[in-house]
Amino acid sequence: MKRQSAFLAVVMSLISLLSCVVYSQDVTVVESSSDAADGLDLQAVAELFKDAKDLEEFEKSLNDPEIGVNNLDLDDNGDVDFIRVMEEASDEARVIVLQVPLGENEFQDVATIEVEKNGDEDYNMQIRGNEVIYGPDYYISPVEVHIHPWPIFGWMFRPVYHPFRSAFYFGFYPNWWHPWRVVHVNVYRTRTVRFTTRATFHVSHTTRVTRVTKVNYHAHSSTLVKKQTHVSRGGHERTTTVKAGKVEVHNPKTGKETTVKGVKKTTKTEHGTKTTVKAKKTTHHDKPRN
């Protein structure tokens, strides 16, 4: 009986050691963060974009307190930030930037709407969340393939076209806009549920728009952002996202995600890098590639 117990103890130790090795390969360095992404639901943003006749109307609906899609407070001052719309273009590709002016010469890009035209009735689009706000590889894509009837595409790809540039900047806003206090996330979700339950768009972790790489766009980041998601990259293209007190590890090659939460734990990777995570509970699940 003693020999059997000793043998079982050795086996359990080996299993535990193997688990630690696998775990250290999946998780990289993490930091604490808060939920900026809860202040702007990109599925609701996509619905506004789909229904807008041009980017000026889209910018107004995005910041309209009566519509209530914007509850973003990046500098954590208690007031909702104004989101301006800036566009970059190259041939048949467009990048529409949702950008928050946080100070003089201080800008934070929140997301980009990426559009490409492949034919008269062949358009492709996605919304890419900025990594600082939404973590890595966060996309909103339309469920329908045939999106050419959207009114905004006819406006964007008309024969004589100049990229849209918002007229507003920090301290200079439209006369119909004024900052208002942010609401609790539960109140915000109640306001946006009429957009998010339409099933017009879905979340994806892979890009579907490729020609936008030709567009001359460089993301802006501001040191004034207080609410953000911190991301550290590990080997083999793995990424670790820390959001709302939990760690999410995404491997784009396998589609595998790891969620870790709970008490602190310190391990070492195979390269000797020290890793501190919250590791009371770990769940692994494979997501199908989109």
C-alpha atoms as a PDB file:
ATOM      1  CA  MET A   1       0.000   0.000   0.000  1.00  0.00           C
ATOM      2  CA  LYS A   2       2.853   2.386   0.861  1.00  0.00           C
ATOM      3  CA  ARG A   3       4.562   1.642  -2.448  1.00  0.00           C
ATOM      4  CA  GLN A   4       1.335   2.279  -4.330  1.00  0.00           C
ATOM      5  CA  SER A   5       0.831   5.593  -2.528  1.00  0.00           C
ATOM      6  CA  ALA A   6       4.393   6.631  -3.272  1.00  0.00           C
ATOM      7  CA  PHE A   7       3.964   5.721  -6.947  1.00  0.00           C
ATOM      8  CA  LEU A   8       0.752   7.767  -7.169  1.00  0.00           C
ATOM      9  CA  ALA A   9       2.495  10.714  -5.538  1.00  0.00           C
ATOM     10  CA  VAL A  10       5.286  10.578  -8.136  1.00  0.00           C
ATOM     11  CA  VAL A  11       2.754  10.406 -10.986  1.00  0.00           C
ATOM     12  CA  MET A  12       0.808  13.381  -9.634  1.00  0.00           C
ATOM     13  CA  SER A  13       4.037  15.364  -9.271  1.00  0.00           C
ATOM     14  CA  LEU A  14       4.958  14.670 -12.900  1.00  0.00           C
ATOM     15  CA  ILE A  15       1.497  15.744 -14.078  1.00  0.00           C
ATOM     16  CA  SER A  16       1.759  18.929 -12.041  1.00  0.00           C
ATOM     17  CA  LEU A  17       5.225  19.670 -13.449  1.00  0.00           C
ATOM     18  CA  LEU A  18       4.012  19.095 -17.012  1.00  0.00           C
ATOM     19  CA  SER A  19       1.062  21.409 -16.421  1.00  0.00           C
ATOM     20  CA  CYS A  20       3.409  24.148 -15.247  1.00  0.00           C
ATOM     21  CA  VAL A  21       5.546  23.789 -18.379  1.00  0.00           C
ATOM     22  CA  VAL A  22       2.509  24.007 -20.667  1.00  0.00           C
ATOM     23  CA  TYR A  23       1.149  26.885 -18.640  1.00  0.00           C
ATOM     24  CA  SER A  24       4.393  28.852 -18.846  1.00  0.00           C
ATOM     25  CA  GLN A  25       4.448  28.439 -22.599  1.00  0.00           C
ATOM     26  CA  ASP A  26       0.952  29.905 -22.922  1.00  0.00           C
ATOM     27  CA  VAL A  27       1.177  32.902 -20.595  1.00  0.00           C
ATOM     28  CA  THR A  28       3.427  35.953 -20.838  1.00  0.00           C
ATOM     29  CA  VAL A  29       3.908  39.028 -18.658  1.00  0.00           C
ATOM     30  CA  VAL A  30       0.673  40.755 -17.615  1.00  0.00           C
ATOM     31  CA  GLU A  31      -0.335  44.025 -15.984  1.00  0.00           C
ATOM     32  CA  SER A  32      -3.476  45.338 -14.326  1.00  0.00           C
ATOM     33  CA  SER A  33      -6.025  47.303 -16.345  1.00  0.00           C
ATOM     34  CA  SER A  34      -9.583  48.630 -16.461  1.00  0.00           C
ATOM     35  CA  ASP A  35     -12.453  48.340 -18.909  1.00  0.00           C
ATOM     36  CA  ALA A  36     -12.287  51.206 -21.389  1.00  0.00           C
ATOM     37  CA  ALA A  37     -13.902  48.999 -24.027  1.00  0.00           C
ATOM     38  CA  ASP A  38     -17.130  48.890 -22.017  1.00  0.00           C
ATOM     39  CA  GLY A  39     -17.655  52.540 -22.935  1.00  0.00           C
ATOM     40  CA  LEU A  40     -17.968  51.973 -26.683  1.00  0.00           C
ATOM     41  CA  ASP A  41     -19.644  48.856 -28.054  1.00  0.00           C
ATOM     42  CA  LEU A  42     -18.248  48.389 -31.557  1.00  0.00           C
ATOM     43  CA  GLN A  43     -21.250  46.348 -32.676  1.00  0.00           C
ATOM     44  CA  ALA A  44     -23.439  49.370 -31.944  1.00  0.00           C
ATOM     45  CA  VAL A  45     -20.912  51.566 -33.770  1.00  0.00           C
ATOM     46  CA  ALA A  46     -21.143  49.257 -36.786  1.00  0.00           C
ATOM     47  CA  GLU A  47     -24.928  49.663 -36.851  1.00  0.00           C
ATOM     48  CA  LEU A  48     -24.580  53.454 -36.919  1.00  0.00           C
ATOM     49  CA  PHE A  49     -22.057  53.214 -39.748  1.00  0.00           C
ATOM     50  CA  LYS A  50     -24.324  50.907 -41.741  1.00  0.00           C
ATOM     51  CA  ASP A  51     -27.253  53.331 -41.546  1.00  0.00           C
ATOM     52  CA  ALA A  52     -25.372  56.623 -42.101  1.00  0.00           C
ATOM     53  CA  LYS A  53     -25.524  58.406 -45.460  1.00  0.00           C
ATOM     54  CA  ASP A  54     -22.048  59.945 -45.010  1.00  0.00           C
ATOM     55  CA  LEU A  55     -19.260  60.246 -42.424  1.00  0.00           C
ATOM     56  CA  GLU A  56     -20.465  63.608 -41.121  1.00  0.00           C
ATOM     57  CA  GLU A  57     -23.800  62.050 -40.187  1.00  0.00           C
ATOM     58  CA  PHE A  58     -21.971  59.065 -38.732  1.00  0.00           C
ATOM     59  CA  GLU A  59     -19.801  61.298 -36.512  1.00  0.00           C
ATOM     60  CA  LYS A  60     -22.880  63.104 -35.234  1.00  0.00           C
ATOM     61  CA  SER A  61     -24.816  59.932 -34.438  1.00  0.00           C
ATOM     62  CA  LEU A  62     -21.728  58.504 -32.736  1.00  0.00           C
ATOM     63  CA  ASN A  63     -21.614  61.445 -30.311  1.00  0.00           C
ATOM     64  CA  ASP A  64     -25.352  62.050 -29.922  1.00  0.00           C
ATOM     65  CA  PRO A  65     -26.320  61.667 -26.228  1.00  0.00           C
ATOM     66  CA  GLU A  66     -29.877  60.813 -27.253  1.00  0.00           C
ATOM     67  CA  ILE A  67     -28.614  57.774 -29.177  1.00  0.00           C
ATOM     68  CA  GLY A  68     -26.285  56.833 -26.322  1.00  0.00           C
ATOM     69  CA  VAL A  69     -23.695  54.706 -28.135  1.00  0.00           C
ATOM     70  CA  ASN A  70     -20.745  56.709 -26.800  1.00  0.00           C
ATOM     71  CA  ASN A  71     -19.990  56.263 -23.098  1.00  0.00           C
ATOM     72  CA  LEU A  72     -16.217  56.455 -23.492  1.00  0.00           C
ATOM     73  CA  ASP A  73     -14.105  58.075 -20.768  1.00  0.00           C
ATOM     74  CA  LEU A  74     -10.456  57.374 -21.569  1.00  0.00           C
ATOM     75  CA  ASP A  75      -8.931  59.994 -19.272  1.00  0.00           C
ATOM     76  CA  ASP A  76     -11.186  58.915 -16.385  1.00  0.00           C
ATOM     77  CA  ASN A  77     -12.466  62.412 -15.590  1.00  0.00           C
ATOM     78  CA  GLY A  78     -16.092  61.309 -15.353  1.00  0.00           C
ATOM     79  CA  ASP A  79     -17.172  62.950 -18.621  1.00  0.00           C
ATOM     80  CA  VAL A  80     -17.852  61.243 -21.943  1.00  0.00           C
ATOM     81  CA  ASP A  81     -15.152  61.925 -24.548  1.00  0.00           C
ATOM     82  CA  PHE A  82     -15.918  63.375 -27.980  1.00  0.00           C
ATOM     83  CA  ILE A  83     -14.990  60.961 -30.782  1.00  0.00           C
ATOM     84  CA  ARG A  84     -13.983  62.563 -34.035  1.00  0.00           C
ATOM     85  CA  VAL A  85     -13.858  60.803 -37.394  1.00  0.00           C
ATOM     86  CA  MET A  86     -10.773  61.008 -39.618  1.00  0.00           C
ATOM     87  CA  GLU A  87     -10.355  59.163 -42.904  1.00  0.00           C
ATOM     88  CA  GLU A  88      -7.389  57.929 -44.918  1.00  0.00           C
ATOM     89  CA  ALA A  89      -7.789  56.605 -48.475  1.00  0.00           C
ATOM     90  CA  SER A  90      -5.808  54.784 -51.139  1.00  0.00           C
ATOM     91  CA  ASP A  91      -7.396  53.726 -54.435  1.00  0.00           C
ATOM     92  CA  GLU A  92     -10.275  51.415 -53.521  1.00  0.00           C
ATOM     93  CA  ALA A  93      -9.453  51.134 -49.807  1.00  0.00           C
ATOM     94  CA  ARG A  94     -10.553  53.331 -46.911  1.00  0.00           C
ATOM     95  CA  VAL A  95      -9.551  53.528 -43.248  1.00  0.00           C
ATOM     96  CA  ILE A  96     -11.958  55.530 -41.074  1.00  0.00           C
ATOM     97  CA  VAL A  97     -10.358  56.381 -37.743  1.00  0.00           C
ATOM     98  CA  LEU A  98     -12.394  56.897 -34.571  1.00  0.00           C
ATOM     99  CA  GLN A  99     -10.168  59.205 -32.553  1.00  0.00           C
ATOM    100  CA  VAL A 100     -10.471  60.949 -29.184  1.00  0.00           C
ATOM    101  CA  PRO A 101      -8.678  64.319 -28.742  1.00  0.00           C
ATOM    102  CA  LEU A 102      -7.575  64.263 -25.092  1.00  0.00           C
ATOM    103  CA  GLY A 103      -5.475  67.418 -25.103  1.00  0.00           C
ATOM    104  CA  GLU A 104      -3.517  69.705 -27.356  1.00  0.00           C
ATOM    105  CA  ASN A 105      -1.551  67.355 -29.631  1.00  0.00           C
ATOM    106  CA  GLU A 106      -2.824  64.388 -27.599  1.00  0.00           C
ATOM    107  CA  PHE A 107      -4.891  61.870 -29.571  1.00  0.00           C
ATOM    108  CA  GLN A 108      -5.983  58.300 -28.902  1.00  0.00           C
ATOM    109  CA  ASP A 109      -7.278  56.134 -31.721  1.00  0.00           C
ATOM    110  CA  VAL A 110     -10.109  53.956 -30.442  1.00  0.00           C
ATOM    111  CA  ALA A 111     -10.940  51.881 -33.515  1.00  0.00           C
ATOM    112  CA  THR A 112     -10.699  51.876 -37.296  1.00  0.00           C
ATOM    113  CA  ILE A 113     -13.400  51.048 -39.814  1.00  0.00           C
ATOM    114  CA  GLU A 114     -11.667  49.367 -42.736  1.00  0.00           C
ATOM    115  CA  VAL A 115     -13.396  49.174 -46.122  1.00  0.00           C
ATOM    116  CA  GLU A 116     -12.296  47.833 -49.492  1.00  0.00           C
ATOM    117  CA  LYS A 117     -14.090  47.803 -52.841  1.00  0.00           C
ATOM    118  CA  ASN A 118     -13.501  44.770 -55.040  1.00  0.00           C
ATOM    119  CA  GLY A 119     -16.216  45.418 -57.644  1.00  0.00           C
ATOM    120  CA  ASP A 120     -19.381  47.392 -58.378  1.00  0.00           C
ATOM    121  CA  GLU A 121     -21.390  45.362 -55.869  1.00  0.00           C
ATOM    122  CA  ASP A 122     -18.538  43.795 -53.932  1.00  0.00           C
ATOM    123  CA  TYR A 123     -17.515  45.541 -50.713  1.00  0.00           C
ATOM    124  CA  ASN A 124     -15.756  44.242 -47.648  1.00  0.00           C
ATOM    125  CA  MET A 125     -15.564  45.907 -44.246  1.00  0.00           C
ATOM    126  CA  GLN A 126     -14.644  45.356 -40.632  1.00  0.00           C
ATOM    127  CA  ILE A 127     -14.137  47.391 -37.485  1.00  0.00           C
ATOM    128  CA  ARG A 128     -10.799  46.805 -35.794  1.00  0.00           C
ATOM    129  CA  GLY A 129     -10.632  47.705 -32.112  1.00  0.00           C
ATOM    130  CA  ASN A 130      -7.448  49.480 -31.091  1.00  0.00           C
ATOM    131  CA  GLU A 131      -5.260  47.089 -29.108  1.00  0.00           C
ATOM    132  CA  VAL A 132      -4.836  49.544 -26.237  1.00  0.00           C
ATOM    133  CA  ILE A 133      -8.610  49.670 -25.733  1.00  0.00           C
ATOM    134  CA  TYR A 134      -9.916  46.284 -26.896  1.00  0.00           C
ATOM    135  CA  GLY A 135      -6.889  44.009 -26.746  1.00  0.00           C
ATOM    136  CA  PRO A 136      -5.331  42.199 -29.717  1.00  0.00           C
ATOM    137  CA  ASP A 137      -7.187  40.819 -32.730  1.00  0.00           C
ATOM    138  CA  TYR A 138     -10.637  42.213 -31.927  1.00  0.00           C
ATOM    139  CA  TYR A 139     -12.765  42.690 -35.050  1.00  0.00           C
ATOM    140  CA  ILE A 140     -16.428  43.352 -35.771  1.00  0.00           C
ATOM    141  CA  SER A 141     -17.555  41.996 -39.151  1.00  0.00           C
ATOM    142  CA  PRO A 142     -20.925  41.920 -40.941  1.00  0.00           C
ATOM    143  CA  VAL A 143     -22.764  38.615 -41.009  1.00  0.00           C
ATOM    144  CA  GLU A 144     -24.091  39.304 -44.514  1.00  0.00           C
ATOM    145  CA  VAL A 145     -21.701  39.042 -47.457  1.00  0.00           C
ATOM    146  CA  HIS A 146     -23.643  41.407 -49.739  1.00  0.00           C
ATOM    147  CA  ILE A 147     -23.323  44.790 -48.047  1.00  0.00           C
ATOM    148  CA  HIS A 148     -23.245  46.983 -51.170  1.00  0.00           C
ATOM    149  CA  PRO A 149     -26.745  48.473 -50.516  1.00  0.00           C
ATOM    150  CA  TRP A 150     -25.411  50.397 -47.510  1.00  0.00           C
ATOM    151  CA  PRO A 151     -25.865  54.103 -48.403  1.00  0.00           C
ATOM    152  CA  ILE A 152     -22.475  55.202 -47.126  1.00  0.00           C
ATOM    153  CA  PHE A 153     -20.545  53.167 -49.714  1.00  0.00           C
ATOM    154  CA  GLY A 154     -22.043  55.101 -52.616  1.00  0.00           C
ATOM    155  CA  TRP A 155     -20.930  58.313 -50.922  1.00  0.00           C
ATOM    156  CA  MET A 156     -17.421  57.071 -50.077  1.00  0.00           C
ATOM    157  CA  PHE A 157     -16.651  55.653 -53.522  1.00  0.00           C
ATOM    158  CA  ARG A 158     -18.169  58.363 -55.703  1.00  0.00           C
ATOM    159  CA  PRO A 159     -16.046  59.508 -58.712  1.00  0.00           C
ATOM    160  CA  VAL A 160     -14.765  62.755 -57.192  1.00  0.00           C
ATOM    161  CA  TYR A 161     -13.935  62.087 -53.572  1.00  0.00           C
ATOM    162  CA  HIS A 162     -11.802  63.678 -50.885  1.00  0.00           C
ATOM    163  CA  PRO A 163     -11.182  61.859 -47.586  1.00  0.00           C
ATOM    164  CA  PHE A 164     -13.342  63.116 -44.732  1.00  0.00           C
ATOM    165  CA  ARG A 165     -11.554  65.043 -41.979  1.00  0.00           C
ATOM    166  CA  SER A 166     -13.470  66.098 -38.897  1.00  0.00           C
ATOM    167  CA  ALA A 167     -13.454  69.849 -38.281  1.00  0.00           C
ATOM    168  CA  PHE A 168     -13.299  69.357 -34.509  1.00  0.00           C
ATOM    169  CA  TYR A 169     -10.391  69.118 -32.088  1.00  0.00           C
ATOM    170  CA  PHE A 170      -9.674  69.406 -28.358  1.00  0.00           C
ATOM    171  CA  GLY A 171     -11.558  72.418 -27.000  1.00  0.00           C
ATOM    172  CA  PHE A 172     -13.499  73.014 -30.224  1.00  0.00           C
ATOM    173  CA  TYR A 173     -16.649  70.943 -30.592  1.00  0.00           C
ATOM    174  CA  PRO A 174     -19.943  71.220 -32.508  1.00  0.00           C
ATOM    175  CA  ASN A 175     -22.533  73.534 -30.962  1.00  0.00           C
ATOM    176  CA  TRP A 176     -24.960  70.636 -30.509  1.00  0.00           C
ATOM    177  CA  TRP A 177     -22.472  68.704 -28.340  1.00  0.00           C
ATOM    178  CA  HIS A 178     -21.495  69.116 -24.714  1.00  0.00           C
ATOM    179  CA  PRO A 179     -19.807  66.640 -22.354  1.00  0.00           C
ATOM    180  CA  TRP A 180     -22.101  64.625 -20.120  1.00  0.00           C
ATOM    181  CA  ARG A 181     -21.428  62.298 -17.235  1.00  0.00           C
ATOM    182  CA  VAL A 182     -20.654  58.660 -17.947  1.00  0.00           C
ATOM    183  CA  VAL A 183     -23.223  56.087 -16.863  1.00  0.00           C
ATOM    184  CA  HIS A 184     -22.727  52.700 -15.249  1.00  0.00           C
ATOM    185  CA  VAL A 185     -21.941  49.888 -17.665  1.00  0.00           C
ATOM    186  CA  ASN A 186     -25.279  48.188 -16.926  1.00  0.00           C
ATOM    187  CA  VAL A 187     -27.175  51.358 -17.877  1.00  0.00           C
ATOM    188  CA  TYR A 188     -25.029  51.666 -21.002  1.00  0.00           C
ATOM    189  CA  ARG A 189     -25.794  48.120 -22.110  1.00  0.00           C
ATOM    190  CA  THR A 190     -29.502  48.810 -21.673  1.00  0.00           C
ATOM    191  CA  ARG A 191     -29.155  51.795 -24.001  1.00  0.00           C
ATOM    192  CA  THR A 192     -27.295  49.877 -26.701  1.00  0.00           C
ATOM    193  CA  VAL A 193     -29.219  46.601 -26.573  1.00  0.00           C
ATOM    194  CA  ARG A 194     -31.421  47.745 -29.467  1.00  0.00           C
ATOM    195  CA  PHE A 195     -28.276  47.717 -31.638  1.00  0.00           C
ATOM    196  CA  THR A 196     -26.440  44.706 -30.255  1.00  0.00           C
ATOM    197  CA  THR A 197     -29.348  42.253 -30.532  1.00  0.00           C
ATOM    198  CA  ARG A 198     -29.879  42.700 -34.279  1.00  0.00           C
ATOM    199  CA  ALA A 199     -27.363  39.970 -35.194  1.00  0.00           C
ATOM    200  CA  THR A 200     -26.131  42.065 -38.129  1.00  0.00           C
ATOM    201  CA  PHE A 201     -22.505  41.861 -36.976  1.00  0.00           C
ATOM    202  CA  HIS A 202     -20.376  39.395 -35.069  1.00  0.00           C
ATOM    203  CA  VAL A 203     -17.053  39.406 -33.216  1.00  0.00           C
ATOM    204  CA  SER A 204     -14.071  37.867 -34.986  1.00  0.00           C
ATOM    205  CA  HIS A 205     -10.406  37.329 -34.122  1.00  0.00           C
ATOM    206  CA  THR A 206      -9.094  37.287 -37.693  1.00  0.00           C
ATOM    207  CA  THR A 207      -8.951  40.061 -40.278  1.00  0.00           C
ATOM    208  CA  ARG A 208     -11.053  39.862 -43.438  1.00  0.00           C
ATOM    209  CA  VAL A 209      -9.936  43.117 -45.097  1.00  0.00           C
ATOM    210  CA  THR A 210      -6.465  43.008 -46.640  1.00  0.00           C
ATOM    211  CA  ARG A 211      -6.100  45.907 -49.087  1.00  0.00           C
ATOM    212  CA  VAL A 212      -6.132  48.540 -46.336  1.00  0.00           C
ATOM    213  CA  THR A 213      -2.437  47.821 -45.791  1.00  0.00           C
ATOM    214  CA  LYS A 214      -1.875  50.160 -48.759  1.00  0.00           C
ATOM    215  CA  VAL A 215      -3.456  53.044 -46.849  1.00  0.00           C
ATOM    216  CA  ASN A 216      -1.012  55.405 -45.158  1.00  0.00           C
ATOM    217  CA  TYR A 217      -2.296  55.131 -41.594  1.00  0.00           C
ATOM    218  CA  HIS A 218      -0.318  55.248 -38.357  1.00  0.00           C
ATOM    219  CA  ALA A 219      -2.173  54.805 -35.072  1.00  0.00           C
ATOM    220  CA  HIS A 220      -2.094  57.584 -32.464  1.00  0.00           C
ATOM    221  CA  SER A 221      -1.691  56.829 -28.762  1.00  0.00           C
ATOM    222  CA  SER A 222      -1.892  59.228 -25.832  1.00  0.00           C
ATOM    223  CA  THR A 223      -0.225  59.105 -22.426  1.00  0.00           C
ATOM    224  CA  LEU A 224      -3.381  60.694 -20.994  1.00  0.00           C
ATOM    225  CA  VAL A 225      -5.343  57.461 -21.379  1.00  0.00           C
ATOM    226  CA  LYS A 226      -6.111  56.101 -17.905  1.00  0.00           C
ATOM    227  CA  LYS A 227      -8.347  53.210 -18.933  1.00  0.00           C
ATOM    228  CA  GLN A 228      -6.758  50.668 -21.206  1.00  0.00           C
ATOM    229  CA  THR A 229      -5.951  47.027 -21.791  1.00  0.00           C
ATOM    230  CA  HIS A 230      -2.278  46.114 -21.393  1.00  0.00           C
ATOM    231  CA  VAL A 231      -0.928  43.492 -23.768  1.00  0.00           C
ATOM    232  CA  SER A 232       2.348  41.584 -23.690  1.00  0.00           C
ATOM    233  CA  ARG A 233       3.416  39.376 -26.557  1.00  0.00           C
ATOM    234  CA  GLY A 234       4.997  35.975 -26.105  1.00  0.00           C
ATOM    235  CA  GLY A 235       6.679  33.494 -28.404  1.00  0.00           C
ATOM    236  CA  HIS A 236       4.974  31.862 -31.368  1.00  0.00           C
ATOM    237  CA  GLU A 237       2.721  34.926 -31.864  1.00  0.00           C
ATOM    238  CA  ARG A 238       0.803  34.309 -28.625  1.00  0.00           C
ATOM    239  CA  THR A 239      -0.678  37.364 -26.963  1.00  0.00           C
ATOM    240  CA  THR A 240      -1.806  37.965 -23.400  1.00  0.00           C
ATOM    241  CA  THR A 241      -4.616  40.394 -22.660  1.00  0.00           C
ATOM    242  CA  VAL A 242      -5.473  41.628 -19.169  1.00  0.00           C
ATOM    243  CA  LYS A 243      -8.996  42.947 -18.792  1.00  0.00           C
ATOM    244  CA  ALA A 244     -11.419  43.253 -15.879  1.00  0.00           C
ATOM    245  CA  GLY A 245      -9.222  41.309 -13.464  1.00  0.00           C
ATOM    246  CA  LYS A 246      -8.633  38.330 -15.715  1.00  0.00           C
ATOM    247  CA  VAL A 247      -5.983  37.213 -18.155  1.00  0.00           C
ATOM    248  CA  GLU A 248      -6.931  36.095 -21.652  1.00  0.00           C
ATOM    249  CA  VAL A 249      -4.319  34.384 -23.807  1.00  0.00           C
ATOM    250  CA  HIS A 250      -5.056  34.034 -27.517  1.00  0.00           C
ATOM    251  CA  ASN A 251      -3.038  31.967 -30.000  1.00  0.00           C
ATOM    252  CA  PRO A 252      -4.085  33.042 -33.536  1.00  0.00           C
ATOM    253  CA  LYS A 253      -2.531  29.978 -35.156  1.00  0.00           C
ATOM    254  CA  THR A 254      -4.534  27.401 -33.213  1.00  0.00           C
ATOM    255  CA  GLY A 255      -7.517  29.521 -32.191  1.00  0.00           C
ATOM    256  CA  LYS A 256      -6.882  28.420 -28.602  1.00  0.00           C
ATOM    257  CA  GLU A 257      -7.726  30.788 -25.775  1.00  0.00           C
ATOM    258  CA  THR A 258      -6.769  30.542 -22.115  1.00  0.00           C
ATOM    259  CA  THR A 259      -8.545  32.423 -19.346  1.00  0.00           C
ATOM    260  CA  VAL A 260      -6.804  32.772 -15.989  1.00  0.00           C
ATOM    261  CA  LYS A 261      -8.195  34.479 -12.916  1.00  0.00           C
ATOM    262  CA  GLY A 262      -7.915  34.351  -9.154  1.00  0.00           C
ATOM    263  CA  VAL A 263      -4.872  34.575  -6.882  1.00  0.00           C
ATOM    264  CA  LYS A 264      -1.359  35.520  -7.868  1.00  0.00           C
ATOM    265  CA  LYS A 265       1.070  32.931  -9.158  1.00  0.00           C
ATOM    266  CA  THR A 266       4.650  33.225 -10.354  1.00  0.00           C
ATOM    267  CA  THR A 267       6.191  30.884 -12.914  1.00  0.00           C
ATOM    268  CA  LYS A 268       9.069  30.887 -15.392  1.00  0.00           C
ATOM    269  CA  THR A 269       9.010  30.360 -19.127  1.00  0.00           C
ATOM    270  CA  GLU A 270      11.365  28.091 -21.012  1.00  0.00           C
ATOM    271  CA  HIS A 271      13.459  31.165 -21.796  1.00  0.00           C
ATOM    272  CA  GLY A 272      13.813  32.020 -18.127  1.00  0.00           C
ATOM    273  CA  THR A 273      11.433  34.990 -18.188  1.00  0.00           C
ATOM    274  CA  LYS A 274       9.630  35.523 -14.898  1.00  0.00           C
ATOM    275  CA  THR A 275       5.853  35.621 -15.187  1.00  0.00           C
ATOM    276  CA  THR A 276       3.342  36.835 -12.620  1.00  0.00           C
ATOM    277  CA  VAL A 277      -0.335  36.115 -13.294  1.00  0.00           C
ATOM    278  CA  LYS A 278      -3.604  35.600 -11.504  1.00  0.00           C
ATOM    279  CA  ALA A 279      -3.963  31.864 -11.717  1.00  0.00           C
ATOM    280  CA  LYS A 280      -6.610  30.349  -9.505  1.00  0.00           C
ATOM    281  CA  LYS A 281      -8.807  29.114 -12.307  1.00  0.00           C
ATOM    282  CA  THR A 282      -7.747  28.290 -15.848  1.00  0.00           C
ATOM    283  CA  THR A 283     -10.046  27.309 -18.682  1.00  0.00           C
ATOM    284  CA  HIS A 284      -9.016  26.340 -22.189  1.00  0.00           C
ATOM    285  CA  HIS A 285     -11.336  26.377 -25.170  1.00  0.00           C
ATOM    286  CA  ASP A 286     -10.820  26.227 -28.891  1.00  0.00           C
ATOM    287  CA  LYS A 287     -12.586  28.786 -31.025  1.00  0.00           C
ATOM    288  CA  PRO A 288     -13.261  28.083 -34.683  1.00  0.00           C
ATOM    289  CA  ARG A 289     -11.451  30.345 -37.078  1.00  0.00           C
ATOM    290  CA  ASN A 290     -13.619  32.820 -38.931  1.00  0.00           C
END
